[in-house]
C-alpha atoms as a PDB file:
ATOM      1  CA  UNK A   1      19.340 -11.507  -4.547  1.00  0.00           C
ATOM      2  CA  UNK A   2      17.724 -14.746  -5.585  1.00  0.00           C
ATOM      3  CA  UNK A   3      18.711 -14.354  -9.241  1.00  0.00           C
ATOM      4  CA  UNK A   4      20.552 -16.870 -11.370  1.00  0.00           C
ATOM      5  CA  UNK A   5      22.713 -15.788 -14.270  1.00  0.00           C
ATOM      6  CA  UNK A   6      21.937 -18.165 -17.141  1.00  0.00           C
ATOM      7  CA  UNK A   7      23.768 -16.723 -20.130  1.00  0.00           C
ATOM      8  CA  UNK A   8      26.142 -13.970 -21.123  1.00  0.00           C
ATOM      9  CA  UNK A   9      26.524 -13.508 -24.898  1.00  0.00           C
ATOM     10  CA  UNK A  10      28.766 -11.055 -26.676  1.00  0.00           C
ATOM     11  CA  UNK A  11      27.905  -9.995 -30.220  1.00  0.00           C
ATOM     12  CA  UNK A  12      29.969  -7.673 -32.406  1.00  0.00           C
ATOM     13  CA  UNK A  13      27.585  -4.988 -33.656  1.00  0.00           C
ATOM     14  CA  UNK A  14      29.517  -4.345 -36.899  1.00  0.00           C
ATOM     15  CA  UNK A  15      28.629  -0.657 -36.978  1.00  0.00           C
ATOM     16  CA  UNK A  16      24.836  -1.052 -36.994  1.00  0.00           C
ATOM     17  CA  UNK A  17      22.190  -1.656 -34.377  1.00  0.00           C
ATOM     18  CA  UNK A  18      20.623  -5.083 -34.149  1.00  0.00           C
ATOM     19  CA  UNK A  19      17.001  -3.987 -34.151  1.00  0.00           C
ATOM     20  CA  UNK A  20      16.485  -3.186 -30.480  1.00  0.00           C
ATOM     21  CA  UNK A  21      15.253   0.319 -31.084  1.00  0.00           C
ATOM     22  CA  UNK A  22      18.346   2.419 -30.316  1.00  0.00           C
ATOM     23  CA  UNK A  23      18.790   5.447 -32.566  1.00  0.00           C
ATOM     24  CA  UNK A  24      22.253   6.655 -31.534  1.00  0.00           C
ATOM     25  CA  UNK A  25      25.153   5.796 -33.867  1.00  0.00           C
ATOM     26  CA  UNK A  26      27.148   2.768 -32.773  1.00  0.00           C
ATOM     27  CA  UNK A  27      30.899   2.612 -32.989  1.00  0.00           C
ATOM     28  CA  UNK A  28      32.266  -0.126 -35.287  1.00  0.00           C
ATOM     29  CA  UNK A  29      33.804  -1.951 -32.329  1.00  0.00           C
ATOM     30  CA  UNK A  30      30.742  -1.689 -30.063  1.00  0.00           C
ATOM     31  CA  UNK A  31      29.874  -4.923 -28.306  1.00  0.00           C
ATOM     32  CA  UNK A  32      26.344  -5.907 -27.384  1.00  0.00           C
ATOM     33  CA  UNK A  33      25.792  -8.012 -24.296  1.00  0.00           C
ATOM     34  CA  UNK A  34      22.756 -10.186 -23.683  1.00  0.00           C
ATOM     35  CA  UNK A  35      22.126 -11.475 -20.159  1.00  0.00           C
ATOM     36  CA  UNK A  36      19.377 -13.806 -19.031  1.00  0.00           C
ATOM     37  CA  UNK A  37      18.368 -13.430 -15.384  1.00  0.00           C
ATOM     38  CA  UNK A  38      15.540 -14.902 -13.336  1.00  0.00           C
ATOM     39  CA  UNK A  39      13.231 -13.481 -10.726  1.00  0.00           C
ATOM     40  CA  UNK A  40      13.253 -15.505  -7.515  1.00  0.00           C
ATOM     41  CA  UNK A  41      10.545 -18.107  -7.041  1.00  0.00           C
ATOM     42  CA  UNK A  42      10.315 -17.054  -3.376  1.00  0.00           C
ATOM     43  CA  UNK A  43      11.809 -13.968  -1.727  1.00  0.00           C
ATOM     44  CA  UNK A  44      14.364 -14.773   0.952  1.00  0.00           C
ATOM     45  CA  UNK A  45      14.312 -13.114   4.377  1.00  0.00           C
ATOM     46  CA  UNK A  46      16.388 -13.577   7.515  1.00  0.00           C
ATOM     47  CA  UNK A  47      14.471 -12.628  10.691  1.00  0.00           C
ATOM     48  CA  UNK A  48      16.440 -11.880  13.852  1.00  0.00           C
ATOM     49  CA  UNK A  49      14.564 -11.602  17.168  1.00  0.00           C
ATOM     50  CA  UNK A  50      16.305  -9.645  19.929  1.00  0.00           C
ATOM     51  CA  UNK A  51      14.504 -10.388  23.192  1.00  0.00           C
ATOM     52  CA  UNK A  52      14.869  -8.512  26.479  1.00  0.00           C
ATOM     53  CA  UNK A  53      15.993 -11.027  29.108  1.00  0.00           C
ATOM     54  CA  UNK A  54      15.600  -8.942  32.266  1.00  0.00           C
ATOM     55  CA  UNK A  55      13.432 -10.034  35.192  1.00  0.00           C
ATOM     56  CA  UNK A  56      10.312  -8.093  34.239  1.00  0.00           C
ATOM     57  CA  UNK A  57       9.908  -9.940  30.915  1.00  0.00           C
ATOM     58  CA  UNK A  58       8.439 -13.228  32.169  1.00  0.00           C
ATOM     59  CA  UNK A  59       4.871 -12.689  30.960  1.00  0.00           C
ATOM     60  CA  UNK A  60       5.960 -11.111  27.680  1.00  0.00           C
ATOM     61  CA  UNK A  61       8.341 -13.975  26.914  1.00  0.00           C
ATOM     62  CA  UNK A  62       5.627 -16.527  27.660  1.00  0.00           C
ATOM     63  CA  UNK A  63       3.243 -14.785  25.252  1.00  0.00           C
ATOM     64  CA  UNK A  64       5.980 -14.534  22.658  1.00  0.00           C
ATOM     65  CA  UNK A  65       6.711 -18.250  22.883  1.00  0.00           C
ATOM     66  CA  UNK A  66       3.003 -19.053  22.589  1.00  0.00           C
ATOM     67  CA  UNK A  67       2.953 -17.053  19.344  1.00  0.00           C
ATOM     68  CA  UNK A  68       5.772 -19.039  17.717  1.00  0.00           C
ATOM     69  CA  UNK A  69       3.275 -20.966  15.599  1.00  0.00           C
ATOM     70  CA  UNK A  70       1.750 -17.693  14.395  1.00  0.00           C
ATOM     71  CA  UNK A  71       5.158 -16.351  13.371  1.00  0.00           C
ATOM     72  CA  UNK A  72       5.952 -19.517  11.423  1.00  0.00           C
ATOM     73  CA  UNK A  73       2.516 -19.519   9.795  1.00  0.00           C
ATOM     74  CA  UNK A  74       2.734 -15.835   8.844  1.00  0.00           C
ATOM     75  CA  UNK A  75       6.033 -16.368   7.044  1.00  0.00           C
ATOM     76  CA  UNK A  76       5.045 -19.689   5.463  1.00  0.00           C
ATOM     77  CA  UNK A  77       1.766 -18.317   4.103  1.00  0.00           C
ATOM     78  CA  UNK A  78       3.751 -15.682   2.221  1.00  0.00           C
ATOM     79  CA  UNK A  79       5.656 -18.415   0.353  1.00  0.00           C
ATOM     80  CA  UNK A  80       8.929 -17.030   1.643  1.00  0.00           C
ATOM     81  CA  UNK A  81      12.357 -18.588   1.829  1.00  0.00           C
ATOM     82  CA  UNK A  82      12.811 -17.715   5.503  1.00  0.00           C
ATOM     83  CA  UNK A  83      15.235 -18.216   8.354  1.00  0.00           C
ATOM     84  CA  UNK A  84      14.640 -17.270  11.997  1.00  0.00           C
ATOM     85  CA  UNK A  85      17.105 -16.725  14.820  1.00  0.00           C
ATOM     86  CA  UNK A  86      16.898 -15.217  18.301  1.00  0.00           C
ATOM     87  CA  UNK A  87      19.337 -13.666  20.736  1.00  0.00           C
ATOM     88  CA  UNK A  88      19.023 -11.767  23.996  1.00  0.00           C
ATOM     89  CA  UNK A  89      19.609  -8.073  24.643  1.00  0.00           C
ATOM     90  CA  UNK A  90      22.319  -8.986  27.163  1.00  0.00           C
ATOM     91  CA  UNK A  91      25.784  -8.088  25.865  1.00  0.00           C
ATOM     92  CA  UNK A  92      27.281 -10.893  27.953  1.00  0.00           C
ATOM     93  CA  UNK A  93      25.645 -13.266  25.440  1.00  0.00           C
ATOM     94  CA  UNK A  94      27.574 -11.564  22.646  1.00  0.00           C
ATOM     95  CA  UNK A  95      24.723 -11.674  20.129  1.00  0.00           C
ATOM     96  CA  UNK A  96      25.016 -15.477  19.860  1.00  0.00           C
ATOM     97  CA  UNK A  97      21.818 -17.149  18.657  1.00  0.00           C
ATOM     98  CA  UNK A  98      19.850 -19.235  21.162  1.00  0.00           C
ATOM     99  CA  UNK A  99      18.238 -22.631  20.643  1.00  0.00           C
ATOM    100  CA  UNK A 100      19.034 -25.892  18.870  1.00  0.00           C
ATOM    101  CA  UNK A 101      18.979 -25.558  15.978  1.00  0.00           C
ATOM    102  CA  UNK A 102      20.039 -21.947  16.354  1.00  0.00           C
ATOM    103  CA  UNK A 103      18.779 -21.228  12.827  1.00  0.00           C
ATOM    104  CA  UNK A 104      15.132 -22.202  12.306  1.00  0.00           C
ATOM    105  CA  UNK A 105      13.983 -22.837   8.719  1.00  0.00           C
ATOM    106  CA  UNK A 106      10.879 -24.330   7.063  1.00  0.00           C
ATOM    107  CA  UNK A 107      12.840 -27.603   6.820  1.00  0.00           C
ATOM    108  CA  UNK A 108      13.597 -27.792  10.541  1.00  0.00           C
ATOM    109  CA  UNK A 109      12.062 -30.937  12.110  1.00  0.00           C
ATOM    110  CA  UNK A 110       9.779 -28.805  14.314  1.00  0.00           C
ATOM    111  CA  UNK A 111       9.933 -25.132  13.243  1.00  0.00           C
ATOM    112  CA  UNK A 112       7.355 -23.951  15.789  1.00  0.00           C
ATOM    113  CA  UNK A 113       8.920 -25.787  18.716  1.00  0.00           C
ATOM    114  CA  UNK A 114      12.419 -24.761  17.663  1.00  0.00           C
ATOM    115  CA  UNK A 115      11.435 -21.094  17.449  1.00  0.00           C
ATOM    116  CA  UNK A 116       9.677 -21.208  20.822  1.00  0.00           C
ATOM    117  CA  UNK A 117      12.850 -22.672  22.343  1.00  0.00           C
ATOM    118  CA  UNK A 118      15.046 -20.009  20.747  1.00  0.00           C
ATOM    119  CA  UNK A 119      12.780 -17.180  21.933  1.00  0.00           C
ATOM    120  CA  UNK A 120      13.009 -18.416  25.535  1.00  0.00           C
ATOM    121  CA  UNK A 121      16.146 -16.444  26.382  1.00  0.00           C
ATOM    122  CA  UNK A 122      15.349 -16.473  30.113  1.00  0.00           C
ATOM    123  CA  UNK A 123      14.668 -13.656  32.556  1.00  0.00           C
ATOM    124  CA  UNK A 124      17.786 -13.865  34.701  1.00  0.00           C
ATOM    125  CA  UNK A 125      19.828 -11.344  32.722  1.00  0.00           C
ATOM    126  CA  UNK A 126      21.084  -8.292  34.580  1.00  0.00           C
ATOM    127  CA  UNK A 127      20.747  -4.797  33.095  1.00  0.00           C
ATOM    128  CA  UNK A 128      21.641  -3.065  30.911  1.00  0.00           C
ATOM    129  CA  UNK A 129      19.252  -4.335  28.261  1.00  0.00           C
ATOM    130  CA  UNK A 130      21.085  -3.224  25.124  1.00  0.00           C
ATOM    131  CA  UNK A 131      19.090  -4.565  22.193  1.00  0.00           C
ATOM    132  CA  UNK A 132      20.602  -2.391  19.474  1.00  0.00           C
ATOM    133  CA  UNK A 133      24.123  -3.290  20.566  1.00  0.00           C
ATOM    134  CA  UNK A 134      23.234  -6.988  20.831  1.00  0.00           C
ATOM    135  CA  UNK A 135      21.680  -7.042  17.354  1.00  0.00           C
ATOM    136  CA  UNK A 136      24.844  -5.466  15.996  1.00  0.00           C
ATOM    137  CA  UNK A 137      26.990  -8.190  17.558  1.00  0.00           C
ATOM    138  CA  UNK A 138      24.680 -10.869  16.166  1.00  0.00           C
ATOM    139  CA  UNK A 139      24.910  -9.479  12.636  1.00  0.00           C
ATOM    140  CA  UNK A 140      28.658  -8.873  12.767  1.00  0.00           C
ATOM    141  CA  UNK A 141      29.149 -12.429  14.062  1.00  0.00           C
ATOM    142  CA  UNK A 142      32.762 -11.878  15.024  1.00  0.00           C
ATOM    143  CA  UNK A 143      32.893 -15.274  16.776  1.00  0.00           C
ATOM    144  CA  UNK A 144      31.451 -17.177  13.822  1.00  0.00           C
ATOM    145  CA  UNK A 145      28.904 -18.907  16.067  1.00  0.00           C
ATOM    146  CA  UNK A 146      25.985 -17.509  14.016  1.00  0.00           C
ATOM    147  CA  UNK A 147      27.469 -18.851  10.787  1.00  0.00           C
ATOM    148  CA  UNK A 148      24.835 -19.431   8.115  1.00  0.00           C
ATOM    149  CA  UNK A 149      22.208 -17.102   9.514  1.00  0.00           C
ATOM    150  CA  UNK A 150      22.856 -14.042   7.348  1.00  0.00           C
ATOM    151  CA  UNK A 151      22.538 -15.007   3.687  1.00  0.00           C
ATOM    152  CA  UNK A 152      23.984 -12.928   0.852  1.00  0.00           C
ATOM    153  CA  UNK A 153      20.737 -12.845  -1.167  1.00  0.00           C
ATOM    154  CA  UNK A 154      18.217 -12.353   1.650  1.00  0.00           C
ATOM    155  CA  UNK A 155      16.366  -9.378   3.037  1.00  0.00           C
ATOM    156  CA  UNK A 156      16.788  -8.728   6.763  1.00  0.00           C
ATOM    157  CA  UNK A 157      14.197  -8.050   9.440  1.00  0.00           C
ATOM    158  CA  UNK A 158      15.261  -7.412  13.038  1.00  0.00           C
ATOM    159  CA  UNK A 159      12.485  -7.640  15.653  1.00  0.00           C
ATOM    160  CA  UNK A 160      13.123  -6.091  19.076  1.00  0.00           C
ATOM    161  CA  UNK A 161      10.945  -7.283  21.970  1.00  0.00           C
ATOM    162  CA  UNK A 162      11.310  -5.364  25.238  1.00  0.00           C
ATOM    163  CA  UNK A 163       9.336  -3.784  28.068  1.00  0.00           C
ATOM    164  CA  UNK A 164      11.971  -1.091  28.638  1.00  0.00           C
ATOM    165  CA  UNK A 165      14.065   1.483  26.864  1.00  0.00           C
ATOM    166  CA  UNK A 166      17.174   0.428  24.985  1.00  0.00           C
ATOM    167  CA  UNK A 167      20.403   1.039  26.896  1.00  0.00           C
ATOM    168  CA  UNK A 168      22.899   0.532  24.075  1.00  0.00           C
ATOM    169  CA  UNK A 169      26.068   2.541  23.567  1.00  0.00           C
ATOM    170  CA  UNK A 170      28.895   0.183  24.414  1.00  0.00           C
ATOM    171  CA  UNK A 171      29.068  -1.107  20.836  1.00  0.00           C
ATOM    172  CA  UNK A 172      27.320   1.590  18.815  1.00  0.00           C
ATOM    173  CA  UNK A 173      28.547   4.703  20.613  1.00  0.00           C
ATOM    174  CA  UNK A 174      26.794   7.879  21.683  1.00  0.00           C
ATOM    175  CA  UNK A 175      24.003   7.735  19.070  1.00  0.00           C
ATOM    176  CA  UNK A 176      23.023   4.067  18.832  1.00  0.00           C
ATOM    177  CA  UNK A 177      19.790   4.788  16.952  1.00  0.00           C
ATOM    178  CA  UNK A 178      21.572   6.463  14.040  1.00  0.00           C
ATOM    179  CA  UNK A 179      24.394   3.931  14.142  1.00  0.00           C
ATOM    180  CA  UNK A 180      22.037   0.950  13.958  1.00  0.00           C
ATOM    181  CA  UNK A 181      19.935   2.540  11.211  1.00  0.00           C
ATOM    182  CA  UNK A 182      23.183   3.055   9.277  1.00  0.00           C
ATOM    183  CA  UNK A 183      24.116  -0.592   9.831  1.00  0.00           C
ATOM    184  CA  UNK A 184      20.801  -1.691   8.333  1.00  0.00           C
ATOM    185  CA  UNK A 185      21.338   0.681   5.408  1.00  0.00           C
ATOM    186  CA  UNK A 186      24.718  -0.952   4.809  1.00  0.00           C
ATOM    187  CA  UNK A 187      23.131  -4.404   4.960  1.00  0.00           C
ATOM    188  CA  UNK A 188      20.583  -3.340   2.343  1.00  0.00           C
ATOM    189  CA  UNK A 189      23.266  -1.892   0.082  1.00  0.00           C
ATOM    190  CA  UNK A 190      25.227  -5.147   0.081  1.00  0.00           C
ATOM    191  CA  UNK A 191      22.586  -7.041  -1.888  1.00  0.00           C
ATOM    192  CA  UNK A 192      19.882  -4.531  -2.812  1.00  0.00           C
ATOM    193  CA  UNK A 193      17.330  -6.198  -0.519  1.00  0.00           C
ATOM    194  CA  UNK A 194      15.483  -4.377   2.274  1.00  0.00           C
ATOM    195  CA  UNK A 195      16.873  -4.362   5.811  1.00  0.00           C
ATOM    196  CA  UNK A 196      14.316  -3.255   8.400  1.00  0.00           C
ATOM    197  CA  UNK A 197      13.704  -3.285  12.116  1.00  0.00           C
ATOM    198  CA  UNK A 198      10.422  -3.617  13.990  1.00  0.00           C
ATOM    199  CA  UNK A 199       9.768  -2.877  17.646  1.00  0.00           C
ATOM    200  CA  UNK A 200       7.438  -4.768  19.994  1.00  0.00           C
ATOM    201  CA  UNK A 201       7.890  -2.424  22.939  1.00  0.00           C
ATOM    202  CA  UNK A 202       6.218  -0.009  25.329  1.00  0.00           C
ATOM    203  CA  UNK A 203       4.142   2.673  23.624  1.00  0.00           C
ATOM    204  CA  UNK A 204       5.391   6.219  23.057  1.00  0.00           C
ATOM    205  CA  UNK A 205       5.578   8.527  24.859  1.00  0.00           C
ATOM    206  CA  UNK A 206       4.774   7.138  28.318  1.00  0.00           C
ATOM    207  CA  UNK A 207       4.735   3.355  28.067  1.00  0.00           C
ATOM    208  CA  UNK A 208       1.718   1.102  28.570  1.00  0.00           C
ATOM    209  CA  UNK A 209      -0.117  -1.314  30.838  1.00  0.00           C
ATOM    210  CA  UNK A 210      -1.724  -4.525  29.612  1.00  0.00           C
ATOM    211  CA  UNK A 211      -2.414  -8.171  30.318  1.00  0.00           C
ATOM    212  CA  UNK A 212       1.303  -8.910  30.054  1.00  0.00           C
ATOM    213  CA  UNK A 213       2.209  -6.235  32.617  1.00  0.00           C
ATOM    214  CA  UNK A 214       3.651  -2.734  32.504  1.00  0.00           C
ATOM    215  CA  UNK A 215       6.204  -1.432  30.035  1.00  0.00           C
ATOM    216  CA  UNK A 216       8.259   1.713  29.732  1.00  0.00           C
ATOM    217  CA  UNK A 217       8.343   3.423  26.347  1.00  0.00           C
ATOM    218  CA  UNK A 218      10.855   1.896  23.936  1.00  0.00           C
ATOM    219  CA  UNK A 219      11.578   5.175  22.174  1.00  0.00           C
ATOM    220  CA  UNK A 220      14.902   4.159  20.650  1.00  0.00           C
ATOM    221  CA  UNK A 221      13.482   0.955  19.209  1.00  0.00           C
ATOM    222  CA  UNK A 222      10.457   2.774  17.836  1.00  0.00           C
ATOM    223  CA  UNK A 223      12.663   5.378  16.177  1.00  0.00           C
ATOM    224  CA  UNK A 224      14.790   2.714  14.486  1.00  0.00           C
ATOM    225  CA  UNK A 225      11.583   1.063  13.231  1.00  0.00           C
ATOM    226  CA  UNK A 226      10.332   4.387  11.901  1.00  0.00           C
ATOM    227  CA  UNK A 227      13.580   5.152  10.085  1.00  0.00           C
ATOM    228  CA  UNK A 228      13.827   1.747   8.445  1.00  0.00           C
ATOM    229  CA  UNK A 229      10.193   1.187   7.464  1.00  0.00           C
ATOM    230  CA  UNK A 230       9.374  -1.425  10.096  1.00  0.00           C
ATOM    231  CA  UNK A 231       6.424  -1.779  12.462  1.00  0.00           C
ATOM    232  CA  UNK A 232       5.990  -0.337  15.937  1.00  0.00           C
ATOM    233  CA  UNK A 233       3.723  -2.555  18.043  1.00  0.00           C
ATOM    234  CA  UNK A 234       2.734  -2.399  21.719  1.00  0.00           C
ATOM    235  CA  UNK A 235       4.291  -5.108  23.878  1.00  0.00           C
ATOM    236  CA  UNK A 236       1.314  -4.672  26.241  1.00  0.00           C
ATOM    237  CA  UNK A 237      -1.002  -6.124  23.594  1.00  0.00           C
ATOM    238  CA  UNK A 238      -1.206  -9.845  24.334  1.00  0.00           C
ATOM    239  CA  UNK A 239      -2.152 -10.629  20.725  1.00  0.00           C
ATOM    240  CA  UNK A 240       1.266 -11.610  19.443  1.00  0.00           C
ATOM    241  CA  UNK A 241      -0.476 -13.506  16.627  1.00  0.00           C
ATOM    242  CA  UNK A 242      -1.536 -10.155  15.158  1.00  0.00           C
ATOM    243  CA  UNK A 243       2.035  -8.933  15.579  1.00  0.00           C
ATOM    244  CA  UNK A 244       3.258 -12.004  13.724  1.00  0.00           C
ATOM    245  CA  UNK A 245       0.879 -11.365  10.840  1.00  0.00           C
ATOM    246  CA  UNK A 246       2.084  -7.771  10.548  1.00  0.00           C
ATOM    247  CA  UNK A 247       5.730  -8.813  10.487  1.00  0.00           C
ATOM    248  CA  UNK A 248       4.953 -11.497   7.929  1.00  0.00           C
ATOM    249  CA  UNK A 249       3.481  -8.832   5.649  1.00  0.00           C
ATOM    250  CA  UNK A 250       6.554  -6.654   6.032  1.00  0.00           C
ATOM    251  CA  UNK A 251       8.854  -9.556   5.184  1.00  0.00           C
ATOM    252  CA  UNK A 252       7.334 -10.091   1.734  1.00  0.00           C
ATOM    253  CA  UNK A 253       9.397  -8.023  -0.629  1.00  0.00           C
ATOM    254  CA  UNK A 254      10.149  -9.288  -4.151  1.00  0.00           C
ATOM    255  CA  UNK A 255      13.364  -8.052  -5.769  1.00  0.00           C
ATOM    256  CA  UNK A 256      13.103  -5.138  -8.211  1.00  0.00           C
ATOM    257  CA  UNK A 257      16.844  -4.565  -8.693  1.00  0.00           C
ATOM    258  CA  UNK A 258      18.964  -6.899 -10.809  1.00  0.00           C
ATOM    259  CA  UNK A 259      22.718  -6.482 -11.094  1.00  0.00           C
ATOM    260  CA  UNK A 260      24.386  -6.793 -14.485  1.00  0.00           C
ATOM    261  CA  UNK A 261      27.711  -8.410 -15.293  1.00  0.00           C
ATOM    262  CA  UNK A 262      29.094  -5.275 -16.943  1.00  0.00           C
ATOM    263  CA  UNK A 263      28.440  -1.549 -17.192  1.00  0.00           C
ATOM    264  CA  UNK A 264      26.122  -0.591 -20.085  1.00  0.00           C
ATOM    265  CA  UNK A 265      26.339   2.403 -22.404  1.00  0.00           C
ATOM    266  CA  UNK A 266      23.696   4.964 -21.515  1.00  0.00           C
ATOM    267  CA  UNK A 267      20.545   4.660 -23.601  1.00  0.00           C
ATOM    268  CA  UNK A 268      21.418   1.217 -24.962  1.00  0.00           C
ATOM    269  CA  UNK A 269      19.501  -1.030 -22.565  1.00  0.00           C
ATOM    270  CA  UNK A 270      16.437  -3.035 -23.600  1.00  0.00           C
ATOM    271  CA  UNK A 271      14.573  -5.540 -21.449  1.00  0.00           C
ATOM    272  CA  UNK A 272      12.228  -8.437 -22.188  1.00  0.00           C
ATOM    273  CA  UNK A 273      10.253 -10.143 -19.422  1.00  0.00           C
ATOM    274  CA  UNK A 274       9.053 -13.629 -20.364  1.00  0.00           C
ATOM    275  CA  UNK A 275       9.554 -12.713 -24.023  1.00  0.00           C
ATOM    276  CA  UNK A 276       7.656  -9.405 -23.960  1.00  0.00           C
ATOM    277  CA  UNK A 277       9.422  -6.044 -24.302  1.00  0.00           C
ATOM    278  CA  UNK A 278       8.974  -3.777 -21.258  1.00  0.00           C
ATOM    279  CA  UNK A 279       9.863  -0.137 -20.622  1.00  0.00           C
ATOM    280  CA  UNK A 280       8.937   0.354 -16.944  1.00  0.00           C
ATOM    281  CA  UNK A 281      12.467   0.279 -15.602  1.00  0.00           C
ATOM    282  CA  UNK A 282      15.436   2.517 -14.922  1.00  0.00           C
ATOM    283  CA  UNK A 283      19.133   1.779 -15.196  1.00  0.00           C
ATOM    284  CA  UNK A 284      21.870   2.438 -12.664  1.00  0.00           C
ATOM    285  CA  UNK A 285      24.748   3.026 -15.076  1.00  0.00           C
ATOM    286  CA  UNK A 286      27.287   3.537 -12.313  1.00  0.00           C
ATOM    287  CA  UNK A 287      26.585   0.313 -10.376  1.00  0.00           C
ATOM    288  CA  UNK A 288      25.420  -1.627 -13.482  1.00  0.00           C
ATOM    289  CA  UNK A 289      21.897  -2.653 -12.534  1.00  0.00           C
ATOM    290  CA  UNK A 290      18.366  -2.661 -13.934  1.00  0.00           C
ATOM    291  CA  UNK A 291      15.657  -1.461 -11.523  1.00  0.00           C
ATOM    292  CA  UNK A 292      12.037  -2.281 -12.340  1.00  0.00           C
ATOM    293  CA  UNK A 293       9.155   0.013 -11.395  1.00  0.00           C
ATOM    294  CA  UNK A 294       7.307  -3.083 -10.162  1.00  0.00           C
ATOM    295  CA  UNK A 295       8.790  -6.431  -9.234  1.00  0.00           C
ATOM    296  CA  UNK A 296       8.655  -9.018 -12.026  1.00  0.00           C
ATOM    297  CA  UNK A 297       6.446 -12.035 -11.361  1.00  0.00           C
ATOM    298  CA  UNK A 298       7.901 -14.959  -9.403  1.00  0.00           C
ATOM    299  CA  UNK A 299      10.148 -17.062 -11.628  1.00  0.00           C
ATOM    300  CA  UNK A 300       9.980 -14.616 -14.555  1.00  0.00           C
ATOM    301  CA  UNK A 301      12.787 -14.784 -17.132  1.00  0.00           C
ATOM    302  CA  UNK A 302      14.461 -11.421 -17.707  1.00  0.00           C
ATOM    303  CA  UNK A 303      16.514 -10.851 -20.841  1.00  0.00           C
ATOM    304  CA  UNK A 304      18.616  -7.685 -20.724  1.00  0.00           C
ATOM    305  CA  UNK A 305      20.490  -6.469 -23.794  1.00  0.00           C
ATOM    306  CA  UNK A 306      22.923  -3.535 -23.838  1.00  0.00           C
ATOM    307  CA  UNK A 307      26.086  -2.134 -25.362  1.00  0.00           C
ATOM    308  CA  UNK A 308      29.191  -2.401 -23.249  1.00  0.00           C
ATOM    309  CA  UNK A 309      30.383   0.930 -21.942  1.00  0.00           C
ATOM    310  CA  UNK A 310      33.949   1.858 -22.780  1.00  0.00           C
ATOM    311  CA  UNK A 311      36.425   1.171 -19.994  1.00  0.00           C
ATOM    312  CA  UNK A 312      37.552   4.275 -18.142  1.00  0.00           C
END
């Protein structure tokens, strides 16, 4: 989650509070914990492109490759710690990331060129075009060939690009939309960071026609985007730079949830941000976390003090 644990101090409370404003009586053996955490200096996001590789995608893939610079610029202008990878919607590719390097970062020798190469998945792939299934394989990474792409502390954004409807089901079963939305929910729960999908596909309900050709409606992709808070954008719009800017906006998401080392006693938590006491937060006493109403400023120091809950 981009947070670094700096200190963990245990203080015996000796039967009295230590001036943090709690009014409930404290047991003689109560132990107060003080943790110092830090807000990230840049939010981390892993962006996975899943590109339709069937024969009708030539013009769309060319436009997508031309927009690689816009994608890189959109993410870089947001001062993000980003990684980009791309795979095809062909299950024969097994969700393996394309390109060399297969993970594009701001430190890559040529991020724009590397992304353009990765997005060029080719147009010689036979149907079915199963983007939701392919994304699942990429994220599960059973072969280990995508090692390093999915980071423990990063948000996730999956971008589907297709001129047809998703034909998944081999991996995700009879309801691939619900299954993939659930997978993203699980990804988000692992580290408390958002996991979203966006769809650059044919418009609902009847598809579209544009300078890049015709496209059937990508209803499954659009529904996954709707359920997960992503963007739904027409693949018939040749302005992929505008698409890139929209996705860059969605990727910026500073952490508001900070996990604690131990479970606090209810009502005992106090929080200072950069030395100033704050009250705009809630506490998850079950999962041991502090959740701010608004994200603390980049690099802010968070000092959280609480009484240890009794072991059950």
